[in-house]
Amino acid sequence: MVRVNPLAGLLLLLATVAAMEGFAYAMHRWVMHGPGWVLHRSHHRPREGRFELNDLYAVIFAIPSVALLFGGTQLGWWPGCAWIGAGIAAYGAIYFGFHDVIVHRRLPTRYLPRSRYMKRIVQAHRLHHAVETRDGAVSFGFLWAPRAATLKAELARRERAGARAATGAAR
């Protein structure tokens, strides 16, 4: 049986988490705000109930993770596949914690962002949601984001095309 050195596996997992940010950016920018808007639209509108159509993306993105984990541990695939699958799952857990718990408060928490990094990514995501249409949004990443001033300037340059009316509450 072929094995992957645990240190090499951990590095593979961490590299996968880092690569997932680029993948997530591309999927969010060109798929979710493109042909996948049919599902993602629900996320840019006030949620009615506990779930939204956009939640199906979590299921869609979990499929490769589960397949790689299963193949790497049970089907005799290269064992690195399991580490990659675990990296995808780790990114999903980080995304869930940041996006669904901290930003959108879909689960109760008392956490308040205090670090400059957390404030920056929360602000960037809120500015992303300032636009409720498929076009015109800014900041498509989840773990890295441009400065708020840069994003606000870009929204102003676009004359706030597609921006939602001010309600006082971020979605």
C-alpha atoms as a PDB file:
ATOM      1  CA  MET A   1       0.000   0.000   0.000  1.00  0.00           C
ATOM      2  CA  VAL A   2       1.314   3.428  -0.954  1.00  0.00           C
ATOM      3  CA  ARG A   3       1.318   5.984   1.845  1.00  0.00           C
ATOM      4  CA  VAL A   4       1.876   9.721   1.975  1.00  0.00           C
ATOM      5  CA  ASN A   5       4.252  11.026   4.631  1.00  0.00           C
ATOM      6  CA  PRO A   6       2.070  12.842   7.227  1.00  0.00           C
ATOM      7  CA  LEU A   7       4.078  16.066   6.862  1.00  0.00           C
ATOM      8  CA  ALA A   8       3.706  15.937   3.073  1.00  0.00           C
ATOM      9  CA  GLY A   9       0.011  15.205   3.540  1.00  0.00           C
ATOM     10  CA  LEU A  10      -0.415  18.173   5.850  1.00  0.00           C
ATOM     11  CA  LEU A  11       1.361  20.410   3.350  1.00  0.00           C
ATOM     12  CA  LEU A  12      -0.914  19.059   0.613  1.00  0.00           C
ATOM     13  CA  LEU A  13      -3.964  19.819   2.781  1.00  0.00           C
ATOM     14  CA  LEU A  14      -2.756  23.385   3.468  1.00  0.00           C
ATOM     15  CA  ALA A  15      -1.923  23.966  -0.202  1.00  0.00           C
ATOM     16  CA  THR A  16      -5.411  22.761  -1.096  1.00  0.00           C
ATOM     17  CA  VAL A  17      -7.002  25.192   1.391  1.00  0.00           C
ATOM     18  CA  ALA A  18      -4.979  28.030  -0.174  1.00  0.00           C
ATOM     19  CA  ALA A  19      -5.857  26.935  -3.725  1.00  0.00           C
ATOM     20  CA  MET A  20      -9.520  26.732  -2.781  1.00  0.00           C
ATOM     21  CA  GLU A  21      -9.576  30.484  -2.229  1.00  0.00           C
ATOM     22  CA  GLY A  22      -8.689  30.991  -5.886  1.00  0.00           C
ATOM     23  CA  PHE A  23     -11.207  28.343  -6.951  1.00  0.00           C
ATOM     24  CA  ALA A  24     -13.908  29.879  -4.733  1.00  0.00           C
ATOM     25  CA  TYR A  25     -13.192  33.352  -6.139  1.00  0.00           C
ATOM     26  CA  ALA A  26     -13.521  32.082  -9.719  1.00  0.00           C
ATOM     27  CA  MET A  27     -16.679  30.100  -8.976  1.00  0.00           C
ATOM     28  CA  HIS A  28     -18.256  33.015  -7.124  1.00  0.00           C
ATOM     29  CA  ARG A  29     -17.305  35.614  -9.724  1.00  0.00           C
ATOM     30  CA  TRP A  30     -17.938  33.766 -12.975  1.00  0.00           C
ATOM     31  CA  VAL A  31     -20.352  30.947 -12.107  1.00  0.00           C
ATOM     32  CA  MET A  32     -22.471  32.117  -9.170  1.00  0.00           C
ATOM     33  CA  HIS A  33     -22.717  35.623 -10.627  1.00  0.00           C
ATOM     34  CA  GLY A  34     -23.006  34.119 -14.102  1.00  0.00           C
ATOM     35  CA  PRO A  35     -24.955  31.036 -15.216  1.00  0.00           C
ATOM     36  CA  GLY A  36     -25.306  29.856 -11.586  1.00  0.00           C
ATOM     37  CA  TRP A  37     -27.178  33.022 -10.594  1.00  0.00           C
ATOM     38  CA  VAL A  38     -30.377  30.964 -10.622  1.00  0.00           C
ATOM     39  CA  LEU A  39     -29.232  29.478  -7.280  1.00  0.00           C
ATOM     40  CA  HIS A  40     -27.073  32.321  -5.953  1.00  0.00           C
ATOM     41  CA  ARG A  41     -29.746  34.995  -6.446  1.00  0.00           C
ATOM     42  CA  SER A  42     -31.434  33.752  -3.268  1.00  0.00           C
ATOM     43  CA  HIS A  43     -28.341  34.725  -1.287  1.00  0.00           C
ATOM     44  CA  HIS A  44     -28.543  38.365  -2.382  1.00  0.00           C
ATOM     45  CA  ARG A  45     -32.148  38.680  -1.245  1.00  0.00           C
ATOM     46  CA  PRO A  46     -33.650  38.555   2.244  1.00  0.00           C
ATOM     47  CA  ARG A  47     -33.860  34.917   3.310  1.00  0.00           C
ATOM     48  CA  GLU A  48     -37.268  33.468   3.999  1.00  0.00           C
ATOM     49  CA  GLY A  49     -36.943  30.503   6.304  1.00  0.00           C
ATOM     50  CA  ARG A  50     -33.866  28.599   7.385  1.00  0.00           C
ATOM     51  CA  PHE A  51     -32.458  27.691   3.969  1.00  0.00           C
ATOM     52  CA  GLU A  52     -32.011  29.280   0.557  1.00  0.00           C
ATOM     53  CA  LEU A  53     -31.374  27.839  -2.906  1.00  0.00           C
ATOM     54  CA  ASN A  54     -27.774  29.055  -2.657  1.00  0.00           C
ATOM     55  CA  ASP A  55     -27.212  26.390   0.029  1.00  0.00           C
ATOM     56  CA  LEU A  56     -27.179  23.799  -2.743  1.00  0.00           C
ATOM     57  CA  TYR A  57     -23.694  25.052  -3.629  1.00  0.00           C
ATOM     58  CA  ALA A  58     -22.438  23.540  -0.351  1.00  0.00           C
ATOM     59  CA  VAL A  59     -23.728  20.154  -1.484  1.00  0.00           C
ATOM     60  CA  ILE A  60     -22.289  20.588  -4.985  1.00  0.00           C
ATOM     61  CA  PHE A  61     -18.844  21.561  -3.638  1.00  0.00           C
ATOM     62  CA  ALA A  62     -18.874  18.732  -1.066  1.00  0.00           C
ATOM     63  CA  ILE A  63     -19.133  16.065  -3.787  1.00  0.00           C
ATOM     64  CA  PRO A  64     -15.471  16.266  -4.955  1.00  0.00           C
ATOM     65  CA  SER A  65     -14.299  16.396  -1.337  1.00  0.00           C
ATOM     66  CA  VAL A  66     -16.221  13.254  -0.386  1.00  0.00           C
ATOM     67  CA  ALA A  67     -15.158  11.481  -3.590  1.00  0.00           C
ATOM     68  CA  LEU A  68     -11.480  12.282  -2.997  1.00  0.00           C
ATOM     69  CA  LEU A  69     -11.647  11.285   0.671  1.00  0.00           C
ATOM     70  CA  PHE A  70     -13.401   8.021  -0.147  1.00  0.00           C
ATOM     71  CA  GLY A  71     -11.203   7.223  -3.131  1.00  0.00           C
ATOM     72  CA  GLY A  72      -8.009   8.006  -1.240  1.00  0.00           C
ATOM     73  CA  THR A  73      -8.956   5.941   1.800  1.00  0.00           C
ATOM     74  CA  GLN A  74     -11.168   3.138   0.457  1.00  0.00           C
ATOM     75  CA  LEU A  75     -10.744   2.672  -3.281  1.00  0.00           C
ATOM     76  CA  GLY A  76      -6.980   2.457  -3.576  1.00  0.00           C
ATOM     77  CA  TRP A  77      -6.508   5.823  -5.261  1.00  0.00           C
ATOM     78  CA  TRP A  78      -3.314   7.731  -4.573  1.00  0.00           C
ATOM     79  CA  PRO A  79      -3.480   8.504  -0.799  1.00  0.00           C
ATOM     80  CA  GLY A  80      -2.790  12.177  -1.519  1.00  0.00           C
ATOM     81  CA  CYS A  81      -6.350  12.330  -2.834  1.00  0.00           C
ATOM     82  CA  ALA A  82      -7.579  11.930   0.744  1.00  0.00           C
ATOM     83  CA  TRP A  83      -5.422  14.863   1.884  1.00  0.00           C
ATOM     84  CA  ILE A  84      -6.739  16.993  -0.978  1.00  0.00           C
ATOM     85  CA  GLY A  85     -10.323  15.991  -0.131  1.00  0.00           C
ATOM     86  CA  ALA A  86      -9.631  16.919   3.485  1.00  0.00           C
ATOM     87  CA  GLY A  87      -8.277  20.299   2.332  1.00  0.00           C
ATOM     88  CA  ILE A  88     -11.461  20.961   0.373  1.00  0.00           C
ATOM     89  CA  ALA A  89     -13.515  19.980   3.446  1.00  0.00           C
ATOM     90  CA  ALA A  90     -11.358  22.210   5.669  1.00  0.00           C
ATOM     91  CA  TYR A  91     -11.931  25.167   3.341  1.00  0.00           C
ATOM     92  CA  GLY A  92     -15.661  24.418   3.449  1.00  0.00           C
ATOM     93  CA  ALA A  93     -15.596  24.433   7.260  1.00  0.00           C
ATOM     94  CA  ILE A  94     -13.661  27.720   7.320  1.00  0.00           C
ATOM     95  CA  TYR A  95     -16.090  29.187   4.796  1.00  0.00           C
ATOM     96  CA  PHE A  96     -19.095  28.028   6.832  1.00  0.00           C
ATOM     97  CA  GLY A  97     -17.683  29.515  10.027  1.00  0.00           C
ATOM     98  CA  PHE A  98     -16.784  32.816   8.436  1.00  0.00           C
ATOM     99  CA  HIS A  99     -19.587  33.280   5.952  1.00  0.00           C
ATOM    100  CA  ASP A 100     -22.623  31.655   7.502  1.00  0.00           C
ATOM    101  CA  VAL A 101     -21.877  32.059  11.214  1.00  0.00           C
ATOM    102  CA  ILE A 102     -19.845  35.280  11.523  1.00  0.00           C
ATOM    103  CA  VAL A 103     -21.080  37.391   8.589  1.00  0.00           C
ATOM    104  CA  HIS A 104     -24.656  36.222   8.055  1.00  0.00           C
ATOM    105  CA  ARG A 105     -25.364  35.058  11.624  1.00  0.00           C
ATOM    106  CA  ARG A 106     -27.220  31.951  10.482  1.00  0.00           C
ATOM    107  CA  LEU A 107     -26.266  30.371  13.797  1.00  0.00           C
ATOM    108  CA  PRO A 108     -26.284  32.349  17.029  1.00  0.00           C
ATOM    109  CA  THR A 109     -22.893  33.663  18.121  1.00  0.00           C
ATOM    110  CA  ARG A 110     -21.561  36.437  20.303  1.00  0.00           C
ATOM    111  CA  TYR A 111     -18.405  36.745  18.233  1.00  0.00           C
ATOM    112  CA  LEU A 112     -17.512  40.274  17.173  1.00  0.00           C
ATOM    113  CA  PRO A 113     -14.657  40.788  14.727  1.00  0.00           C
ATOM    114  CA  ARG A 114     -11.883  42.668  16.490  1.00  0.00           C
ATOM    115  CA  SER A 115      -8.768  42.050  14.423  1.00  0.00           C
ATOM    116  CA  ARG A 116      -8.065  44.202  11.374  1.00  0.00           C
ATOM    117  CA  TYR A 117      -8.111  41.077   9.191  1.00  0.00           C
ATOM    118  CA  MET A 118     -11.543  39.901  10.360  1.00  0.00           C
ATOM    119  CA  LYS A 119     -13.011  43.398  10.157  1.00  0.00           C
ATOM    120  CA  ARG A 120     -11.651  43.727   6.628  1.00  0.00           C
ATOM    121  CA  ILE A 121     -13.121  40.488   5.284  1.00  0.00           C
ATOM    122  CA  VAL A 122     -16.476  41.037   7.012  1.00  0.00           C
ATOM    123  CA  GLN A 123     -16.671  44.589   5.613  1.00  0.00           C
ATOM    124  CA  ALA A 124     -15.701  43.357   2.137  1.00  0.00           C
ATOM    125  CA  HIS A 125     -18.417  40.715   2.216  1.00  0.00           C
ATOM    126  CA  ARG A 126     -20.995  43.243   3.334  1.00  0.00           C
ATOM    127  CA  LEU A 127     -19.947  45.514   0.476  1.00  0.00           C
ATOM    128  CA  HIS A 128     -20.358  42.524  -1.853  1.00  0.00           C
ATOM    129  CA  HIS A 129     -23.943  42.253  -0.630  1.00  0.00           C
ATOM    130  CA  ALA A 130     -24.576  45.960  -1.175  1.00  0.00           C
ATOM    131  CA  VAL A 131     -25.355  44.892  -4.741  1.00  0.00           C
ATOM    132  CA  GLU A 132     -28.388  42.684  -5.164  1.00  0.00           C
ATOM    133  CA  THR A 133     -28.062  42.078  -8.868  1.00  0.00           C
ATOM    134  CA  ARG A 134     -25.946  39.573 -10.753  1.00  0.00           C
ATOM    135  CA  ASP A 135     -23.693  42.327 -12.132  1.00  0.00           C
ATOM    136  CA  GLY A 136     -21.839  45.113 -10.386  1.00  0.00           C
ATOM    137  CA  ALA A 137     -20.782  43.302  -7.209  1.00  0.00           C
ATOM    138  CA  VAL A 138     -17.298  43.679  -5.729  1.00  0.00           C
ATOM    139  CA  SER A 139     -15.141  41.352  -3.604  1.00  0.00           C
ATOM    140  CA  PHE A 140     -15.689  37.720  -4.549  1.00  0.00           C
ATOM    141  CA  GLY A 141     -13.114  36.084  -2.285  1.00  0.00           C
ATOM    142  CA  PHE A 142     -13.761  34.738   1.188  1.00  0.00           C
ATOM    143  CA  LEU A 143     -10.416  34.580   3.003  1.00  0.00           C
ATOM    144  CA  TRP A 144      -8.774  37.524   1.254  1.00  0.00           C
ATOM    145  CA  ALA A 145     -10.380  40.818   0.357  1.00  0.00           C
ATOM    146  CA  PRO A 146      -9.312  44.221  -0.926  1.00  0.00           C
ATOM    147  CA  ARG A 147      -9.471  47.140   1.476  1.00  0.00           C
ATOM    148  CA  ALA A 148     -12.935  48.584   2.115  1.00  0.00           C
ATOM    149  CA  ALA A 149     -11.894  51.972   0.705  1.00  0.00           C
ATOM    150  CA  THR A 150     -10.901  50.304  -2.575  1.00  0.00           C
ATOM    151  CA  LEU A 151     -14.234  48.458  -2.776  1.00  0.00           C
ATOM    152  CA  LYS A 152     -16.260  51.573  -1.925  1.00  0.00           C
ATOM    153  CA  ALA A 153     -14.408  53.525  -4.607  1.00  0.00           C
ATOM    154  CA  GLU A 154     -15.171  50.790  -7.133  1.00  0.00           C
ATOM    155  CA  LEU A 155     -18.881  50.821  -6.197  1.00  0.00           C
ATOM    156  CA  ALA A 156     -18.918  54.617  -6.520  1.00  0.00           C
ATOM    157  CA  ARG A 157     -17.146  54.416  -9.899  1.00  0.00           C
ATOM    158  CA  ARG A 158     -19.895  52.089 -11.064  1.00  0.00           C
ATOM    159  CA  GLU A 159     -22.421  54.610  -9.769  1.00  0.00           C
ATOM    160  CA  ARG A 160     -23.727  51.896  -7.430  1.00  0.00           C
ATOM    161  CA  ALA A 161     -25.333  49.998 -10.310  1.00  0.00           C
ATOM    162  CA  GLY A 162     -27.490  47.232  -8.872  1.00  0.00           C
ATOM    163  CA  ALA A 163     -27.016  48.459  -5.301  1.00  0.00           C
ATOM    164  CA  ARG A 164     -29.781  47.718  -2.849  1.00  0.00           C
ATOM    165  CA  ALA A 165     -31.584  50.508  -1.107  1.00  0.00           C
ATOM    166  CA  ALA A 166     -30.123  51.326   2.323  1.00  0.00           C
ATOM    167  CA  THR A 167     -31.959  49.369   5.030  1.00  0.00           C
ATOM    168  CA  GLY A 168     -29.525  49.663   7.908  1.00  0.00           C
ATOM    169  CA  ALA A 169     -29.049  45.875   8.141  1.00  0.00           C
ATOM    170  CA  ALA A 170     -26.534  43.790   6.268  1.00  0.00           C
ATOM    171  CA  ARG A 171     -27.795  40.499   4.892  1.00  0.00           C
END
